[in-house]
Amino acid sequence: MPDRRPKQTPRRPRPLGDRTDHYWRVLRMARANGTDLVAALDQGHLTSDDWAGMVQRCRGCAWADGCRRWLDDPEQALRDTPHDCVNRAHFASLRNRLQE
């Protein structure tokens, strides 16, 4: 009996974004959502490897253009991290630990 399932084409990996650009993007996102990454580092809630991981995930994020536009919006008040941000859960976890 022939296999009638649709054939899936393999996905090509996305090229990673510029390391420096995404380092600053993670910092800007943290500032926008009220996550103090320096305090998280100082208090042991975030390691330098964790921070590097956040930047690396950001570099591979498919929402990078949307993120840039969101961050460029001149909002002054703290905002919720967008649902499409690959680091959304990490920011929320760090904020929760900093408030304990």
C-alpha atoms as a PDB file:
ATOM      1  CA  MET A   1       0.000   0.000   0.000  1.00  0.00           C
ATOM      2  CA  PRO A   2       1.532   3.373  -1.001  1.00  0.00           C
ATOM      3  CA  ASP A   3       2.261   6.005   1.647  1.00  0.00           C
ATOM      4  CA  ARG A   4      -0.209   8.866   1.055  1.00  0.00           C
ATOM      5  CA  ARG A   5       1.072  11.224   3.728  1.00  0.00           C
ATOM      6  CA  PRO A   6       2.230  14.586   2.409  1.00  0.00           C
ATOM      7  CA  LYS A   7       5.960  14.833   2.095  1.00  0.00           C
ATOM      8  CA  GLN A   8       7.537  17.363   4.407  1.00  0.00           C
ATOM      9  CA  THR A   9      10.316  19.493   3.096  1.00  0.00           C
ATOM     10  CA  PRO A  10      13.122  19.927   5.574  1.00  0.00           C
ATOM     11  CA  ARG A  11      13.374  23.417   7.011  1.00  0.00           C
ATOM     12  CA  ARG A  12      16.573  25.265   6.502  1.00  0.00           C
ATOM     13  CA  PRO A  13      17.988  26.833   9.627  1.00  0.00           C
ATOM     14  CA  ARG A  14      17.648  30.593   9.852  1.00  0.00           C
ATOM     15  CA  PRO A  15      20.865  32.580   9.781  1.00  0.00           C
ATOM     16  CA  LEU A  16      21.606  34.069  13.180  1.00  0.00           C
ATOM     17  CA  GLY A  17      21.401  37.817  13.628  1.00  0.00           C
ATOM     18  CA  ASP A  18      24.334  39.994  14.606  1.00  0.00           C
ATOM     19  CA  ARG A  19      25.561  39.182  18.119  1.00  0.00           C
ATOM     20  CA  THR A  20      26.022  42.818  19.180  1.00  0.00           C
ATOM     21  CA  ASP A  21      22.652  43.944  17.816  1.00  0.00           C
ATOM     22  CA  HIS A  22      20.866  41.198  19.717  1.00  0.00           C
ATOM     23  CA  TYR A  23      22.840  41.823  22.904  1.00  0.00           C
ATOM     24  CA  TRP A  24      21.439  45.370  22.872  1.00  0.00           C
ATOM     25  CA  ARG A  25      17.996  44.128  21.860  1.00  0.00           C
ATOM     26  CA  VAL A  26      17.839  41.845  24.931  1.00  0.00           C
ATOM     27  CA  LEU A  27      18.863  44.770  27.142  1.00  0.00           C
ATOM     28  CA  ARG A  28      16.268  47.062  25.550  1.00  0.00           C
ATOM     29  CA  MET A  29      13.543  44.420  25.927  1.00  0.00           C
ATOM     30  CA  ALA A  30      14.491  43.937  29.577  1.00  0.00           C
ATOM     31  CA  ARG A  31      14.290  47.690  30.151  1.00  0.00           C
ATOM     32  CA  ALA A  32      10.924  47.882  28.385  1.00  0.00           C
ATOM     33  CA  ASN A  33       9.403  45.100  30.490  1.00  0.00           C
ATOM     34  CA  GLY A  34      11.004  46.049  33.808  1.00  0.00           C
ATOM     35  CA  THR A  35      13.510  43.208  34.156  1.00  0.00           C
ATOM     36  CA  ASP A  36      16.717  44.325  35.871  1.00  0.00           C
ATOM     37  CA  LEU A  37      19.278  41.969  34.332  1.00  0.00           C
ATOM     38  CA  VAL A  38      22.172  43.459  36.330  1.00  0.00           C
ATOM     39  CA  ALA A  39      20.317  42.917  39.621  1.00  0.00           C
ATOM     40  CA  ALA A  40      19.440  39.382  38.492  1.00  0.00           C
ATOM     41  CA  LEU A  41      23.143  38.734  37.854  1.00  0.00           C
ATOM     42  CA  ASP A  42      24.194  40.314  41.154  1.00  0.00           C
ATOM     43  CA  GLN A  43      21.632  38.282  43.117  1.00  0.00           C
ATOM     44  CA  GLY A  44      22.552  34.997  41.425  1.00  0.00           C
ATOM     45  CA  HIS A  45      19.281  34.572  39.520  1.00  0.00           C
ATOM     46  CA  LEU A  46      21.054  34.906  36.174  1.00  0.00           C
ATOM     47  CA  THR A  47      24.469  33.589  35.188  1.00  0.00           C
ATOM     48  CA  SER A  48      26.594  34.993  32.393  1.00  0.00           C
ATOM     49  CA  ASP A  49      25.847  31.759  30.484  1.00  0.00           C
ATOM     50  CA  ASP A  50      22.100  32.365  30.966  1.00  0.00           C
ATOM     51  CA  TRP A  51      22.484  35.907  29.657  1.00  0.00           C
ATOM     52  CA  ALA A  52      24.483  34.645  26.665  1.00  0.00           C
ATOM     53  CA  GLY A  53      21.741  32.073  26.052  1.00  0.00           C
ATOM     54  CA  MET A  54      19.112  34.816  25.975  1.00  0.00           C
ATOM     55  CA  VAL A  55      21.157  36.695  23.391  1.00  0.00           C
ATOM     56  CA  GLN A  56      21.673  33.515  21.347  1.00  0.00           C
ATOM     57  CA  ARG A  57      17.940  32.723  21.361  1.00  0.00           C
ATOM     58  CA  CYS A  58      17.228  36.312  20.323  1.00  0.00           C
ATOM     59  CA  ARG A  59      19.695  35.970  17.436  1.00  0.00           C
ATOM     60  CA  GLY A  60      17.719  33.030  16.034  1.00  0.00           C
ATOM     61  CA  CYS A  61      14.250  34.462  16.665  1.00  0.00           C
ATOM     62  CA  ALA A  62      11.910  34.656  13.680  1.00  0.00           C
ATOM     63  CA  TRP A  63      10.253  37.779  15.154  1.00  0.00           C
ATOM     64  CA  ALA A  64      13.404  39.955  15.088  1.00  0.00           C
ATOM     65  CA  ASP A  65      11.926  42.582  12.741  1.00  0.00           C
ATOM     66  CA  GLY A  66       8.729  42.817  14.778  1.00  0.00           C
ATOM     67  CA  CYS A  67      10.797  43.103  17.934  1.00  0.00           C
ATOM     68  CA  ARG A  68      12.839  45.950  16.515  1.00  0.00           C
ATOM     69  CA  ARG A  69       9.671  47.827  15.537  1.00  0.00           C
ATOM     70  CA  TRP A  70       8.093  47.149  18.955  1.00  0.00           C
ATOM     71  CA  LEU A  71      11.188  48.431  20.756  1.00  0.00           C
ATOM     72  CA  ASP A  72      11.392  51.490  18.500  1.00  0.00           C
ATOM     73  CA  ASP A  73       7.862  52.523  19.540  1.00  0.00           C
ATOM     74  CA  PRO A  74       8.499  55.487  21.887  1.00  0.00           C
ATOM     75  CA  GLU A  75       6.494  54.077  24.812  1.00  0.00           C
ATOM     76  CA  GLN A  76       7.750  55.346  28.181  1.00  0.00           C
ATOM     77  CA  ALA A  77       5.797  53.080  30.545  1.00  0.00           C
ATOM     78  CA  LEU A  78       6.760  49.485  31.291  1.00  0.00           C
ATOM     79  CA  ARG A  79       5.118  47.030  28.921  1.00  0.00           C
ATOM     80  CA  ASP A  80       4.387  43.329  28.868  1.00  0.00           C
ATOM     81  CA  THR A  81       6.863  41.326  26.853  1.00  0.00           C
ATOM     82  CA  PRO A  82       5.317  40.502  23.465  1.00  0.00           C
ATOM     83  CA  HIS A  83       4.032  36.943  23.081  1.00  0.00           C
ATOM     84  CA  ASP A  84       6.338  36.408  20.095  1.00  0.00           C
ATOM     85  CA  CYS A  85       9.511  37.124  22.118  1.00  0.00           C
ATOM     86  CA  VAL A  86      11.557  33.918  22.510  1.00  0.00           C
ATOM     87  CA  ASN A  87      12.778  35.165  25.904  1.00  0.00           C
ATOM     88  CA  ARG A  88       9.342  36.088  27.270  1.00  0.00           C
ATOM     89  CA  ALA A  89       9.272  33.270  29.855  1.00  0.00           C
ATOM     90  CA  HIS A  90      12.854  34.018  30.926  1.00  0.00           C
ATOM     91  CA  PHE A  91      12.071  37.679  31.547  1.00  0.00           C
ATOM     92  CA  ALA A  92       8.952  36.748  33.543  1.00  0.00           C
ATOM     93  CA  SER A  93      10.872  34.214  35.628  1.00  0.00           C
ATOM     94  CA  LEU A  94      13.633  36.702  36.418  1.00  0.00           C
ATOM     95  CA  ARG A  95      11.139  39.429  37.397  1.00  0.00           C
ATOM     96  CA  ASN A  96       9.343  36.983  39.699  1.00  0.00           C
ATOM     97  CA  ARG A  97      12.584  35.917  41.382  1.00  0.00           C
ATOM     98  CA  LEU A  98      13.702  39.522  41.819  1.00  0.00           C
ATOM     99  CA  GLN A  99      10.415  40.367  43.555  1.00  0.00           C
ATOM    100  CA  GLU A 100      10.685  37.521  46.084  1.00  0.00           C
END
